[in-house]
C-alpha atoms as a PDB file:
ATOM      1  CA  UNK A   1     127.473 114.406 100.222  1.00  0.00           C
ATOM      2  CA  UNK A   2     125.182 115.481 103.091  1.00  0.00           C
ATOM      3  CA  UNK A   3     124.399 118.832 101.511  1.00  0.00           C
ATOM      4  CA  UNK A   4     123.533 117.229  98.194  1.00  0.00           C
ATOM      5  CA  UNK A   5     121.452 114.243  99.342  1.00  0.00           C
ATOM      6  CA  UNK A   6     118.057 113.506 100.847  1.00  0.00           C
ATOM      7  CA  UNK A   7     117.235 110.191 102.539  1.00  0.00           C
ATOM      8  CA  UNK A   8     113.844 108.503 102.417  1.00  0.00           C
ATOM      9  CA  UNK A   9     113.916 105.411 104.688  1.00  0.00           C
ATOM     10  CA  UNK A  10     113.492 101.713 103.324  1.00  0.00           C
ATOM     11  CA  UNK A  11     117.243  98.619 100.261  1.00  0.00           C
ATOM     12  CA  UNK A  12     118.064  98.004  96.549  1.00  0.00           C
ATOM     13  CA  UNK A  13     120.799  97.899  93.890  1.00  0.00           C
ATOM     14  CA  UNK A  14     124.163  99.308  94.842  1.00  0.00           C
ATOM     15  CA  UNK A  15     125.770 102.219  93.019  1.00  0.00           C
ATOM     16  CA  UNK A  16     129.482 102.816  92.506  1.00  0.00           C
ATOM     17  CA  UNK A  17     130.481 105.219  95.329  1.00  0.00           C
ATOM     18  CA  UNK A  18     132.557 107.260  92.868  1.00  0.00           C
ATOM     19  CA  UNK A  19     129.423 107.845  90.787  1.00  0.00           C
ATOM     20  CA  UNK A  20     127.522 109.099  93.831  1.00  0.00           C
ATOM     21  CA  UNK A  21     130.402 111.363  94.860  1.00  0.00           C
ATOM     22  CA  UNK A  22     130.636 112.788  91.325  1.00  0.00           C
ATOM     23  CA  UNK A  23     126.895 113.465  91.186  1.00  0.00           C
ATOM     24  CA  UNK A  24     126.932 115.058  94.646  1.00  0.00           C
ATOM     25  CA  UNK A  25     129.849 117.288  93.645  1.00  0.00           C
ATOM     26  CA  UNK A  26     127.965 118.416  90.521  1.00  0.00           C
ATOM     27  CA  UNK A  27     124.934 119.236  92.699  1.00  0.00           C
ATOM     28  CA  UNK A  28     127.134 121.227  95.068  1.00  0.00           C
ATOM     29  CA  UNK A  29     128.985 123.080  92.318  1.00  0.00           C
ATOM     30  CA  UNK A  30     125.905 123.591  90.074  1.00  0.00           C
ATOM     31  CA  UNK A  31     127.565 121.820  87.144  1.00  0.00           C
ATOM     32  CA  UNK A  32     125.599 120.250  84.321  1.00  0.00           C
ATOM     33  CA  UNK A  33     125.915 116.462  84.106  1.00  0.00           C
ATOM     34  CA  UNK A  34     126.342 114.582  80.828  1.00  0.00           C
ATOM     35  CA  UNK A  35     125.672 110.863  80.969  1.00  0.00           C
ATOM     36  CA  UNK A  36     124.482 107.764  79.158  1.00  0.00           C
ATOM     37  CA  UNK A  37     121.236 106.482  80.661  1.00  0.00           C
ATOM     38  CA  UNK A  38     119.688 103.026  80.493  1.00  0.00           C
ATOM     39  CA  UNK A  39     115.883 103.391  80.374  1.00  0.00           C
ATOM     40  CA  UNK A  40     113.485 100.998  82.106  1.00  0.00           C
ATOM     41  CA  UNK A  41     112.709  99.384  78.741  1.00  0.00           C
ATOM     42  CA  UNK A  42     116.364  98.681  78.060  1.00  0.00           C
ATOM     43  CA  UNK A  43     117.123 101.475  75.583  1.00  0.00           C
ATOM     44  CA  UNK A  44     120.151 103.672  76.190  1.00  0.00           C
ATOM     45  CA  UNK A  45     120.484 107.336  75.353  1.00  0.00           C
ATOM     46  CA  UNK A  46     122.675 110.331  76.096  1.00  0.00           C
ATOM     47  CA  UNK A  47     121.249 112.876  78.527  1.00  0.00           C
ATOM     48  CA  UNK A  48     122.202 116.347  79.723  1.00  0.00           C
ATOM     49  CA  UNK A  49     120.728 117.518  83.010  1.00  0.00           C
ATOM     50  CA  UNK A  50     121.086 120.076  85.775  1.00  0.00           C
ATOM     51  CA  UNK A  51     121.256 117.974  88.986  1.00  0.00           C
ATOM     52  CA  UNK A  52     119.155 119.087  91.941  1.00  0.00           C
ATOM     53  CA  UNK A  53     119.598 116.529  94.759  1.00  0.00           C
ATOM     54  CA  UNK A  54     120.458 112.883  95.293  1.00  0.00           C
ATOM     55  CA  UNK A  55     117.585 111.065  96.982  1.00  0.00           C
ATOM     56  CA  UNK A  56     117.985 107.688  98.686  1.00  0.00           C
ATOM     57  CA  UNK A  57     114.690 105.856  99.208  1.00  0.00           C
ATOM     58  CA  UNK A  58     116.229 102.965 101.104  1.00  0.00           C
ATOM     59  CA  UNK A  59     115.828 100.912  97.910  1.00  0.00           C
ATOM     60  CA  UNK A  60     117.554 102.991  95.233  1.00  0.00           C
ATOM     61  CA  UNK A  61     119.456 106.222  94.638  1.00  0.00           C
ATOM     62  CA  UNK A  62     117.593 108.733  92.464  1.00  0.00           C
ATOM     63  CA  UNK A  63     118.555 112.062  90.921  1.00  0.00           C
ATOM     64  CA  UNK A  64     115.811 114.615  90.325  1.00  0.00           C
ATOM     65  CA  UNK A  65     117.231 116.975  87.720  1.00  0.00           C
ATOM     66  CA  UNK A  66     116.229 119.472  85.059  1.00  0.00           C
ATOM     67  CA  UNK A  67     116.482 117.665  81.723  1.00  0.00           C
ATOM     68  CA  UNK A  68     117.998 120.249  79.387  1.00  0.00           C
ATOM     69  CA  UNK A  69     116.817 118.578  76.167  1.00  0.00           C
ATOM     70  CA  UNK A  70     113.261 117.921  77.398  1.00  0.00           C
ATOM     71  CA  UNK A  71     112.947 121.256  79.202  1.00  0.00           C
ATOM     72  CA  UNK A  72     111.322 119.662  82.258  1.00  0.00           C
ATOM     73  CA  UNK A  73     112.042 117.922  85.549  1.00  0.00           C
ATOM     74  CA  UNK A  74     112.981 114.249  85.287  1.00  0.00           C
ATOM     75  CA  UNK A  75     113.996 111.590  87.805  1.00  0.00           C
ATOM     76  CA  UNK A  76     116.977 109.345  86.998  1.00  0.00           C
ATOM     77  CA  UNK A  77     118.079 106.167  88.757  1.00  0.00           C
ATOM     78  CA  UNK A  78     121.736 106.558  89.701  1.00  0.00           C
ATOM     79  CA  UNK A  79     122.488 102.871  89.078  1.00  0.00           C
ATOM     80  CA  UNK A  80     121.473 103.371  85.426  1.00  0.00           C
ATOM     81  CA  UNK A  81     123.692 106.418  84.862  1.00  0.00           C
ATOM     82  CA  UNK A  82     127.141 106.244  83.229  1.00  0.00           C
ATOM     83  CA  UNK A  83     128.712 109.651  83.678  1.00  0.00           C
ATOM     84  CA  UNK A  84     130.682 111.352  80.927  1.00  0.00           C
ATOM     85  CA  UNK A  85     133.591 113.630  81.778  1.00  0.00           C
ATOM     86  CA  UNK A  86     134.157 116.436  82.008  1.00  0.00           C
ATOM     87  CA  UNK A  87     130.915 117.904  83.333  1.00  0.00           C
ATOM     88  CA  UNK A  88     129.093 120.524  81.329  1.00  0.00           C
ATOM     89  CA  UNK A  89     128.866 124.250  82.131  1.00  0.00           C
ATOM     90  CA  UNK A  90     127.710 125.728  85.418  1.00  0.00           C
ATOM     91  CA  UNK A  91     124.032 126.596  85.754  1.00  0.00           C
ATOM     92  CA  UNK A  92     121.851 128.794  87.939  1.00  0.00           C
ATOM     93  CA  UNK A  93     119.749 126.554  90.216  1.00  0.00           C
ATOM     94  CA  UNK A  94     116.037 126.500  89.404  1.00  0.00           C
ATOM     95  CA  UNK A  95     113.076 126.491  91.771  1.00  0.00           C
ATOM     96  CA  UNK A  96     112.863 122.907  93.103  1.00  0.00           C
ATOM     97  CA  UNK A  97     110.053 120.557  92.080  1.00  0.00           C
ATOM     98  CA  UNK A  98     106.752 120.901  93.909  1.00  0.00           C
ATOM     99  CA  UNK A  99     106.995 119.752  97.570  1.00  0.00           C
ATOM    100  CA  UNK A 100     110.757 119.192  97.280  1.00  0.00           C
ATOM    101  CA  UNK A 101     113.119 116.574  95.923  1.00  0.00           C
ATOM    102  CA  UNK A 102     112.016 113.624  98.075  1.00  0.00           C
ATOM    103  CA  UNK A 103     108.332 114.081  97.277  1.00  0.00           C
ATOM    104  CA  UNK A 104     109.109 114.454  93.571  1.00  0.00           C
ATOM    105  CA  UNK A 105     110.998 111.152  93.545  1.00  0.00           C
ATOM    106  CA  UNK A 106     108.313 109.282  95.473  1.00  0.00           C
ATOM    107  CA  UNK A 107     105.575 110.551  93.159  1.00  0.00           C
ATOM    108  CA  UNK A 108     107.480 109.952  89.958  1.00  0.00           C
ATOM    109  CA  UNK A 109     109.489 106.815  90.611  1.00  0.00           C
ATOM    110  CA  UNK A 110     108.809 105.336  94.015  1.00  0.00           C
ATOM    111  CA  UNK A 111     105.840 103.166  93.169  1.00  0.00           C
ATOM    112  CA  UNK A 112     107.428 102.011  89.896  1.00  0.00           C
ATOM    113  CA  UNK A 113     110.118 100.229  91.921  1.00  0.00           C
ATOM    114  CA  UNK A 114     107.588  97.832  93.445  1.00  0.00           C
ATOM    115  CA  UNK A 115     106.676  94.488  91.924  1.00  0.00           C
ATOM    116  CA  UNK A 116     103.014  95.039  92.867  1.00  0.00           C
ATOM    117  CA  UNK A 117     101.512  98.528  92.668  1.00  0.00           C
ATOM    118  CA  UNK A 118      98.303  99.549  94.390  1.00  0.00           C
ATOM    119  CA  UNK A 119      95.925 102.499  94.631  1.00  0.00           C
ATOM    120  CA  UNK A 120      93.974 102.654  97.882  1.00  0.00           C
ATOM    121  CA  UNK A 121      91.382 105.068  99.255  1.00  0.00           C
ATOM    122  CA  UNK A 122      91.968 105.526 102.967  1.00  0.00           C
ATOM    123  CA  UNK A 123      89.080 106.796 105.058  1.00  0.00           C
ATOM    124  CA  UNK A 124      91.064 109.307 107.074  1.00  0.00           C
ATOM    125  CA  UNK A 125      92.473 112.789 106.327  1.00  0.00           C
ATOM    126  CA  UNK A 126      95.709 112.927 104.342  1.00  0.00           C
ATOM    127  CA  UNK A 127      97.588 114.553 107.228  1.00  0.00           C
ATOM    128  CA  UNK A 128      96.588 111.733 109.591  1.00  0.00           C
ATOM    129  CA  UNK A 129      97.692 109.036 107.140  1.00  0.00           C
ATOM    130  CA  UNK A 130     100.859 110.919 106.209  1.00  0.00           C
ATOM    131  CA  UNK A 131     101.968 110.962 109.846  1.00  0.00           C
ATOM    132  CA  UNK A 132     101.921 107.136 109.850  1.00  0.00           C
ATOM    133  CA  UNK A 133     103.912 106.658 106.655  1.00  0.00           C
ATOM    134  CA  UNK A 134     107.508 106.901 105.596  1.00  0.00           C
ATOM    135  CA  UNK A 135     107.889 108.798 102.338  1.00  0.00           C
ATOM    136  CA  UNK A 136     109.030 105.580 100.653  1.00  0.00           C
ATOM    137  CA  UNK A 137     105.544 104.118 101.187  1.00  0.00           C
ATOM    138  CA  UNK A 138     103.948 106.871  99.101  1.00  0.00           C
ATOM    139  CA  UNK A 139     102.411 110.308  99.506  1.00  0.00           C
ATOM    140  CA  UNK A 140      98.683 110.455 100.297  1.00  0.00           C
ATOM    141  CA  UNK A 141      96.684 113.059  98.396  1.00  0.00           C
ATOM    142  CA  UNK A 142      93.501 114.503  99.857  1.00  0.00           C
ATOM    143  CA  UNK A 143      90.213 113.137  98.539  1.00  0.00           C
ATOM    144  CA  UNK A 144      87.749 115.310 100.388  1.00  0.00           C
ATOM    145  CA  UNK A 145      88.042 116.412 104.007  1.00  0.00           C
ATOM    146  CA  UNK A 146      87.964 112.940 105.568  1.00  0.00           C
ATOM    147  CA  UNK A 147      89.700 110.678 103.048  1.00  0.00           C
ATOM    148  CA  UNK A 148      92.791 110.407 100.877  1.00  0.00           C
ATOM    149  CA  UNK A 149      94.174 108.305  98.029  1.00  0.00           C
ATOM    150  CA  UNK A 150      97.504 106.535  98.374  1.00  0.00           C
ATOM    151  CA  UNK A 151      99.564 105.099  95.513  1.00  0.00           C
ATOM    152  CA  UNK A 152     101.885 102.535  97.025  1.00  0.00           C
ATOM    153  CA  UNK A 153     103.347  99.113  96.381  1.00  0.00           C
ATOM    154  CA  UNK A 154     105.059  96.026  97.701  1.00  0.00           C
ATOM    155  CA  UNK A 155     107.267  93.127  96.692  1.00  0.00           C
ATOM    156  CA  UNK A 156     104.308  90.769  97.220  1.00  0.00           C
ATOM    157  CA  UNK A 157     100.547  90.927  97.749  1.00  0.00           C
ATOM    158  CA  UNK A 158     101.161  89.439 101.183  1.00  0.00           C
ATOM    159  CA  UNK A 159     103.433  92.359 102.122  1.00  0.00           C
ATOM    160  CA  UNK A 160     100.901  94.838 100.769  1.00  0.00           C
ATOM    161  CA  UNK A 161      98.140  93.226 102.841  1.00  0.00           C
ATOM    162  CA  UNK A 162     100.263  93.404 105.995  1.00  0.00           C
ATOM    163  CA  UNK A 163     101.129  97.037 105.277  1.00  0.00           C
ATOM    164  CA  UNK A 164      97.512  98.119 104.770  1.00  0.00           C
ATOM    165  CA  UNK A 165      96.189  96.309 107.828  1.00  0.00           C
ATOM    166  CA  UNK A 166      99.044  97.747 109.873  1.00  0.00           C
ATOM    167  CA  UNK A 167      97.930 101.304 109.080  1.00  0.00           C
ATOM    168  CA  UNK A 168      94.829 100.721 111.232  1.00  0.00           C
ATOM    169  CA  UNK A 169      92.743 102.919 108.918  1.00  0.00           C
ATOM    170  CA  UNK A 170      89.589 101.773 107.053  1.00  0.00           C
ATOM    171  CA  UNK A 171      90.387 101.532 103.355  1.00  0.00           C
ATOM    172  CA  UNK A 172      89.018 100.628  99.929  1.00  0.00           C
ATOM    173  CA  UNK A 173      91.308  99.023  97.358  1.00  0.00           C
ATOM    174  CA  UNK A 174      90.805 100.773  94.023  1.00  0.00           C
ATOM    175  CA  UNK A 175      93.441  98.765  92.172  1.00  0.00           C
ATOM    176  CA  UNK A 176      94.500  96.014  91.529  1.00  0.00           C
ATOM    177  CA  UNK A 177      91.543  93.568  91.785  1.00  0.00           C
ATOM    178  CA  UNK A 178      93.839  90.731  92.899  1.00  0.00           C
ATOM    179  CA  UNK A 179      94.745  92.687  96.040  1.00  0.00           C
ATOM    180  CA  UNK A 180      91.065  92.820  96.977  1.00  0.00           C
ATOM    181  CA  UNK A 181      90.915  89.037  96.606  1.00  0.00           C
ATOM    182  CA  UNK A 182      94.068  88.634  98.661  1.00  0.00           C
ATOM    183  CA  UNK A 183      92.601  90.701 101.518  1.00  0.00           C
ATOM    184  CA  UNK A 184      89.564  88.440 101.885  1.00  0.00           C
ATOM    185  CA  UNK A 185      91.551  85.552 103.391  1.00  0.00           C
ATOM    186  CA  UNK A 186      92.933  87.418 106.436  1.00  0.00           C
ATOM    187  CA  UNK A 187      89.603  89.235 106.790  1.00  0.00           C
ATOM    188  CA  UNK A 188      87.890  85.874 107.221  1.00  0.00           C
ATOM    189  CA  UNK A 189      90.528  84.705 109.703  1.00  0.00           C
ATOM    190  CA  UNK A 190      90.167  87.862 111.778  1.00  0.00           C
ATOM    191  CA  UNK A 191      86.398  87.439 111.833  1.00  0.00           C
ATOM    192  CA  UNK A 192      86.730  83.802 112.919  1.00  0.00           C
ATOM    193  CA  UNK A 193      89.193  84.754 115.636  1.00  0.00           C
ATOM    194  CA  UNK A 194      86.706  87.311 116.967  1.00  0.00           C
ATOM    195  CA  UNK A 195      83.932  84.674 117.021  1.00  0.00           C
ATOM    196  CA  UNK A 196      81.964  86.482 114.344  1.00  0.00           C
ATOM    197  CA  UNK A 197      81.604  83.611 111.879  1.00  0.00           C
ATOM    198  CA  UNK A 198      80.585  80.020 112.555  1.00  0.00           C
ATOM    199  CA  UNK A 199      82.811  77.292 111.140  1.00  0.00           C
ATOM    200  CA  UNK A 200      79.928  75.724 109.212  1.00  0.00           C
ATOM    201  CA  UNK A 201      79.467  78.987 107.284  1.00  0.00           C
ATOM    202  CA  UNK A 202      83.036  79.017 105.996  1.00  0.00           C
END
């Protein structure tokens, strides 16, 4: 399992251990997987894919794999996979997705797992912000020399607000508008606590 998995810190639906072991073995042995897959809209279809790595984000298990029918990289949630046996033929491993398996999963599926998604411009270089984040929180992309854009999310607007203020980096919320509204309340409380706003101006 260790050779076939990548962990990205953070908790979520459980997956049958036998399914994870079977996927990991297919990764190790370079065997094509055949499985029924339940899409996020509820439709189910049969898929054939060359598995690359299992990635655990702390919330869910994901499988970045080369989708044979779509001729492209795809990310599958392991809890939505129902494996068919036996596996398909062996394959020659391809060049991994850009930046590796963990980054591919975070970009393609990480933010979709959150109830509330957000896009934020942080006024600090991407490498500075990246050093303060776990991969599960998102991957900042450079937006000029002194800023970056982060696509992230949270189970609630309150959690998102706490996360952003905890970064200790000036930021601008690009989306959603309701997060901007939600940030105004603690901003006012912080200002009051610092003596910067008189009570009769509230």
